Amino acid sequence: MSLSMIGRLAAALTAVALLVLIDVRSKSWAAVELRARGPRTVAGGLLRLQYSENTGIAFGRLRESGRQPLIIAYSAVISLALLGALVYRLARRPAPGFLIPAGFSALLAGTLGHVRDRLERGFVVDFIDFQRVSWPTFNVADVSISLGIALCAAGLLTAALRHRQARALSA
């Protein structure tokens, strides 16, 4: 491993740790503050912070309690796959662009945030609710996952456009 690859990996894992920490702290705050004192409306009525327990997966699907071990195992496998993809991507020469590794980092952080919740609590704490849009209640890990998907998609689109441009120039 080269020094630059180690530096990129350290930066990516630091970003993952920071996002997981923000997720953990925000869910802990919600579990203590919002559960005890009730919901709060913020951002000029746009957001409602309201404690909610999600035993299912994305958007509350698969809420049957017997599926928790399967959800945890699946999430752990996805986390390992994302970590492997991140290391592989960062080890490539020439150095990879920013978007896909950043997307993998955000996806990994969100997945780890949910795995931690499920292992510790048996459910995921959700607490952010849009008031003017019909959307499920979510948390910081969900934002990380959504951001990760968007970054990976942008990275793939950018790579495809670069590849198409390079082919056009060489023709």
Protein backbone atom coordinates (compact mmCIF):
# COMPACT_ATOMS: atom_id res chain seq x y z
CA MET A 1 0.00 0.00 0.00
CA SER A 2 1.29 3.41 -0.92
CA LEU A 3 1.33 6.32 1.46
CA SER A 4 -1.23 8.24 -0.62
CA MET A 5 -3.58 5.25 -0.61
CA ILE A 6 -3.26 4.96 3.18
CA GLY A 7 -3.99 8.67 3.48
CA ARG A 8 -7.10 8.39 1.29
CA LEU A 9 -8.30 5.37 3.25
CA ALA A 10 -7.67 7.17 6.56
CA ALA A 11 -9.64 10.19 5.33
CA ALA A 12 -12.52 7.98 4.16
CA LEU A 13 -12.66 6.02 7.42
CA THR A 14 -12.48 9.26 9.42
CA ALA A 15 -15.48 10.55 7.44
CA VAL A 16 -17.32 7.28 8.14
CA ALA A 17 -16.55 7.52 11.86
CA LEU A 18 -17.65 11.16 11.99
CA LEU A 19 -20.95 10.43 10.22
CA VAL A 20 -21.62 7.44 12.52
CA LEU A 21 -20.84 9.59 15.56
CA ILE A 22 -23.27 12.31 14.40
CA ASP A 23 -25.90 9.63 13.78
CA VAL A 24 -25.38 7.99 17.18
CA ARG A 25 -25.43 11.30 19.07
CA SER A 26 -28.51 12.59 17.26
CA LYS A 27 -30.44 9.35 17.89
CA SER A 28 -29.38 9.36 21.56
CA TRP A 29 -30.58 12.95 21.85
CA ALA A 30 -33.89 12.02 20.20
CA ALA A 31 -34.35 8.99 22.46
CA VAL A 32 -33.82 11.06 25.60
CA GLU A 33 -35.17 14.48 24.71
CA LEU A 34 -37.99 13.83 22.26
CA ARG A 35 -39.31 10.70 23.97
CA ALA A 36 -39.45 12.52 27.33
CA ARG A 37 -40.65 15.94 26.23
CA GLY A 38 -42.51 15.23 23.02
CA PRO A 39 -42.12 16.45 19.45
CA ARG A 40 -40.82 19.85 18.36
CA THR A 41 -41.48 21.81 15.22
CA VAL A 42 -38.43 23.59 13.79
CA ALA A 43 -37.26 25.34 10.62
CA GLY A 44 -40.33 27.53 10.38
CA GLY A 45 -42.68 24.56 10.53
CA LEU A 46 -40.92 22.64 7.77
CA LEU A 47 -39.56 19.90 10.06
CA ARG A 48 -41.00 18.13 13.04
CA LEU A 49 -38.60 16.32 15.34
CA GLN A 50 -40.58 13.39 16.70
CA TYR A 51 -39.27 10.18 18.29
CA SER A 52 -40.19 7.01 16.41
CA GLU A 53 -39.02 3.37 16.57
CA ASN A 54 -38.61 1.61 13.21
CA THR A 55 -38.33 -2.18 13.47
CA GLY A 56 -38.46 -2.57 9.70
CA ILE A 57 -36.15 -1.54 6.89
CA ALA A 58 -36.33 1.49 4.61
CA PHE A 59 -39.62 3.34 4.88
CA GLY A 60 -40.83 0.94 7.59
CA ARG A 61 -41.11 -2.13 5.39
CA LEU A 62 -40.70 -5.65 6.90
CA ARG A 63 -41.75 -4.63 10.40
CA GLU A 64 -42.39 -8.19 11.58
CA SER A 65 -40.20 -8.69 14.65
CA GLY A 66 -39.06 -12.18 13.59
CA ARG A 67 -37.02 -10.67 10.77
CA GLN A 68 -34.62 -8.64 12.95
CA PRO A 69 -31.78 -11.23 12.85
CA LEU A 70 -32.10 -11.41 9.05
CA ILE A 71 -32.07 -7.62 8.72
CA ILE A 72 -28.99 -7.36 10.98
CA ALA A 73 -27.15 -10.11 9.07
CA TYR A 74 -28.00 -8.54 5.72
CA SER A 75 -26.86 -5.11 6.92
CA ALA A 76 -23.60 -6.55 8.25
CA VAL A 77 -22.89 -8.23 4.90
CA ILE A 78 -23.65 -4.99 3.06
CA SER A 79 -21.30 -3.11 5.43
CA LEU A 80 -18.47 -5.54 4.72
CA ALA A 81 -19.10 -5.34 0.98
CA LEU A 82 -19.06 -1.52 1.11
CA LEU A 83 -15.83 -1.52 3.11
CA GLY A 84 -14.25 -3.89 0.59
CA ALA A 85 -15.46 -1.77 -2.33
CA LEU A 86 -14.12 1.36 -0.65
CA VAL A 87 -10.67 -0.15 -0.07
CA TYR A 88 -10.59 -1.56 -3.61
CA ARG A 89 -11.63 1.76 -5.09
CA LEU A 90 -9.05 3.71 -3.10
CA ALA A 91 -6.26 1.25 -3.97
CA ARG A 92 -6.68 1.77 -7.71
CA ARG A 93 -4.10 3.54 -9.78
CA PRO A 94 -4.52 6.22 -10.93
CA ALA A 95 -6.16 7.63 -7.82
CA PRO A 96 -9.95 7.43 -7.99
CA GLY A 97 -12.12 10.49 -8.23
CA PHE A 98 -13.82 11.90 -5.17
CA LEU A 99 -17.47 11.07 -5.82
CA ILE A 100 -17.58 7.27 -5.70
CA PRO A 101 -15.31 6.82 -2.66
CA ALA A 102 -17.24 9.59 -0.87
CA GLY A 103 -20.48 7.83 -1.79
CA PHE A 104 -19.19 4.48 -0.50
CA SER A 105 -18.11 6.20 2.72
CA ALA A 106 -21.54 7.76 3.25
CA LEU A 107 -23.29 4.46 2.44
CA LEU A 108 -21.04 2.60 4.87
CA ALA A 109 -21.65 5.16 7.62
CA GLY A 110 -25.42 4.99 7.21
CA THR A 111 -25.43 1.20 7.15
CA LEU A 112 -23.22 1.00 10.25
CA GLY A 113 -25.48 3.50 12.03
CA HIS A 114 -28.47 1.26 11.42
CA VAL A 115 -26.62 -1.93 12.37
CA ARG A 116 -25.54 -0.33 15.63
CA ASP A 117 -29.11 0.71 16.43
CA ARG A 118 -30.49 -2.75 15.69
CA LEU A 119 -27.84 -4.48 17.80
CA GLU A 120 -28.20 -2.06 20.72
CA ARG A 121 -31.93 -1.35 20.68
CA GLY A 122 -33.55 -3.90 18.39
CA PHE A 123 -34.90 -1.10 16.20
CA VAL A 124 -33.77 2.07 14.45
CA VAL A 125 -34.56 5.46 15.98
CA ASP A 126 -36.16 7.83 13.47
CA PHE A 127 -36.93 11.41 14.42
CA ILE A 128 -36.89 13.81 11.44
CA ASP A 129 -40.25 14.33 9.79
CA PHE A 130 -41.02 16.67 6.88
CA GLN A 131 -44.28 18.47 7.59
CA ARG A 132 -45.18 19.82 4.16
CA VAL A 133 -44.26 16.71 2.19
CA SER A 134 -45.56 13.19 2.59
CA TRP A 135 -42.35 11.36 3.48
CA PRO A 136 -41.47 8.73 6.08
CA THR A 137 -39.74 9.79 9.29
CA PHE A 138 -35.97 9.39 8.97
CA ASN A 139 -32.61 9.96 10.71
CA VAL A 140 -29.01 11.00 9.99
CA ALA A 141 -28.06 7.48 8.82
CA ASP A 142 -30.85 7.65 6.24
CA VAL A 143 -29.50 10.99 5.03
CA SER A 144 -26.01 9.43 4.76
CA ILE A 145 -27.38 6.53 2.72
CA SER A 146 -29.32 8.84 0.41
CA LEU A 147 -26.32 11.12 -0.01
CA GLY A 148 -24.12 8.07 -0.70
CA ILE A 149 -26.43 6.86 -3.43
CA ALA A 150 -26.49 10.33 -5.03
CA LEU A 151 -22.68 10.66 -4.88
CA CYS A 152 -22.15 7.20 -6.40
CA ALA A 153 -24.66 7.94 -9.16
CA ALA A 154 -22.95 11.27 -9.90
CA GLY A 155 -19.55 9.54 -9.92
CA LEU A 156 -20.73 6.85 -12.31
CA LEU A 157 -22.33 9.44 -14.59
CA THR A 158 -19.15 11.54 -14.55
CA ALA A 159 -17.01 8.48 -15.34
CA ALA A 160 -19.32 7.49 -18.19
CA LEU A 161 -19.18 10.99 -19.66
CA ARG A 162 -15.38 11.06 -19.40
CA HIS A 163 -15.16 7.66 -21.06
CA ARG A 164 -17.48 8.76 -23.86
CA GLN A 165 -15.47 11.96 -24.36
CA ALA A 166 -12.17 10.03 -24.44
CA ARG A 167 -13.58 7.61 -27.04
CA ALA A 168 -14.81 10.51 -29.16
CA LEU A 169 -11.39 12.20 -29.03
CA SER A 170 -9.54 9.03 -29.95
CA ALA A 171 -11.80 8.29 -32.92
